[in-house]
């Protein structure tokens, strides 16, 4: 006999927990020193002045101040350019 007996029936329920990534504080908002600005995987947003990047690519404020997002041209090694988002604390 080749039928299943005495075993659980479901094959679902193994989805991972969400990581709550994204922008936590937006343009013009006030941030304290050490406050999380952006949680990300990889550098979608680059750190600017008074912003540091953590080991998991999270962006933190170095000093207290106001958040300002900007776009900036970034050069590649082959000479091509792309626009990137940069976050600064003023």
Protein backbone atom coordinates (compact mmCIF):
# COMPACT_ATOMS: atom_id res chain seq x y z
CA UNK A 1 0.00 0.00 0.00
CA UNK A 2 1.42 3.36 -1.04
CA UNK A 3 -0.82 5.82 0.82
CA UNK A 4 0.19 8.25 3.58
CA UNK A 5 -0.85 7.44 7.15
CA UNK A 6 -0.53 9.17 10.53
CA UNK A 7 1.28 12.30 9.39
CA UNK A 8 0.46 16.01 9.32
CA UNK A 9 -1.43 17.11 6.24
CA UNK A 10 -0.35 20.73 5.75
CA UNK A 11 2.68 21.80 3.74
CA UNK A 12 2.24 25.52 4.50
CA UNK A 13 3.33 27.78 7.36
CA UNK A 14 7.04 28.30 6.68
CA UNK A 15 7.02 31.93 5.59
CA UNK A 16 9.70 34.16 7.14
CA UNK A 17 8.91 37.12 9.39
CA UNK A 18 8.97 40.53 7.69
CA UNK A 19 12.08 42.61 8.38
CA UNK A 20 10.39 46.06 8.57
CA UNK A 21 12.76 47.71 6.10
CA UNK A 22 12.35 51.19 4.62
CA UNK A 23 12.65 54.88 5.41
CA UNK A 24 11.94 55.54 9.11
CA UNK A 25 12.34 59.34 9.17
CA UNK A 26 11.51 61.56 6.21
CA UNK A 27 12.75 64.89 4.80
CA UNK A 28 12.48 67.79 7.26
CA UNK A 29 12.03 65.62 10.36
CA UNK A 30 14.22 66.03 13.43
CA UNK A 31 16.54 63.17 14.41
CA UNK A 32 18.62 62.55 17.55
CA UNK A 33 22.21 61.31 17.44
CA UNK A 34 22.25 57.57 16.74
CA UNK A 35 18.70 57.56 15.39
CA UNK A 36 17.79 55.17 12.58
CA UNK A 37 16.97 56.96 9.32
CA UNK A 38 16.74 54.12 6.76
CA UNK A 39 16.73 50.33 7.19
CA UNK A 40 17.83 48.67 3.94
CA UNK A 41 19.53 45.70 2.32
CA UNK A 42 22.31 46.98 0.09
CA UNK A 43 22.85 50.70 -0.50
CA UNK A 44 19.63 51.95 -2.08
CA UNK A 45 20.21 55.24 -0.21
CA UNK A 46 23.78 56.46 0.38
CA UNK A 47 25.04 58.20 3.55
CA UNK A 48 25.90 61.91 3.30
CA UNK A 49 27.11 64.42 5.88
CA UNK A 50 26.62 63.40 9.54
CA UNK A 51 25.22 59.99 8.49
CA UNK A 52 26.98 56.63 8.98
CA UNK A 53 26.23 53.20 7.51
CA UNK A 54 25.97 50.21 9.85
CA UNK A 55 27.04 46.63 9.18
CA UNK A 56 23.60 45.69 7.83
CA UNK A 57 23.52 48.84 5.60
CA UNK A 58 21.23 50.71 8.03
CA UNK A 59 21.77 54.49 7.97
CA UNK A 60 22.18 56.23 11.35
CA UNK A 61 22.52 59.89 12.32
CA UNK A 62 25.93 60.87 13.68
CA UNK A 63 24.63 64.11 15.19
CA UNK A 64 21.22 65.51 16.08
CA UNK A 65 19.64 67.67 13.40
CA UNK A 66 17.20 67.85 10.51
CA UNK A 67 17.07 65.24 7.75
CA UNK A 68 17.54 66.30 4.13
CA UNK A 69 17.30 63.90 1.15
CA UNK A 70 19.02 64.78 -2.13
CA UNK A 71 20.03 63.20 -5.44
CA UNK A 72 23.62 63.14 -6.60
CA UNK A 73 25.50 61.98 -9.70
CA UNK A 74 27.80 59.05 -8.99
CA UNK A 75 30.56 57.93 -11.37
CA UNK A 76 31.26 54.26 -12.07
CA UNK A 77 34.71 52.86 -12.82
CA UNK A 78 33.90 52.56 -16.52
CA UNK A 79 33.03 56.26 -16.73
CA UNK A 80 29.26 55.83 -16.78
CA UNK A 81 27.12 57.82 -14.34
CA UNK A 82 23.94 57.23 -12.38
CA UNK A 83 21.81 59.28 -10.01
CA UNK A 84 21.73 58.05 -6.41
CA UNK A 85 19.73 59.12 -3.36
CA UNK A 86 21.77 60.61 -0.50
CA UNK A 87 20.57 61.44 3.01
CA UNK A 88 22.19 64.21 5.07
CA UNK A 89 21.68 65.49 8.61
CA UNK A 90 21.96 69.29 8.83
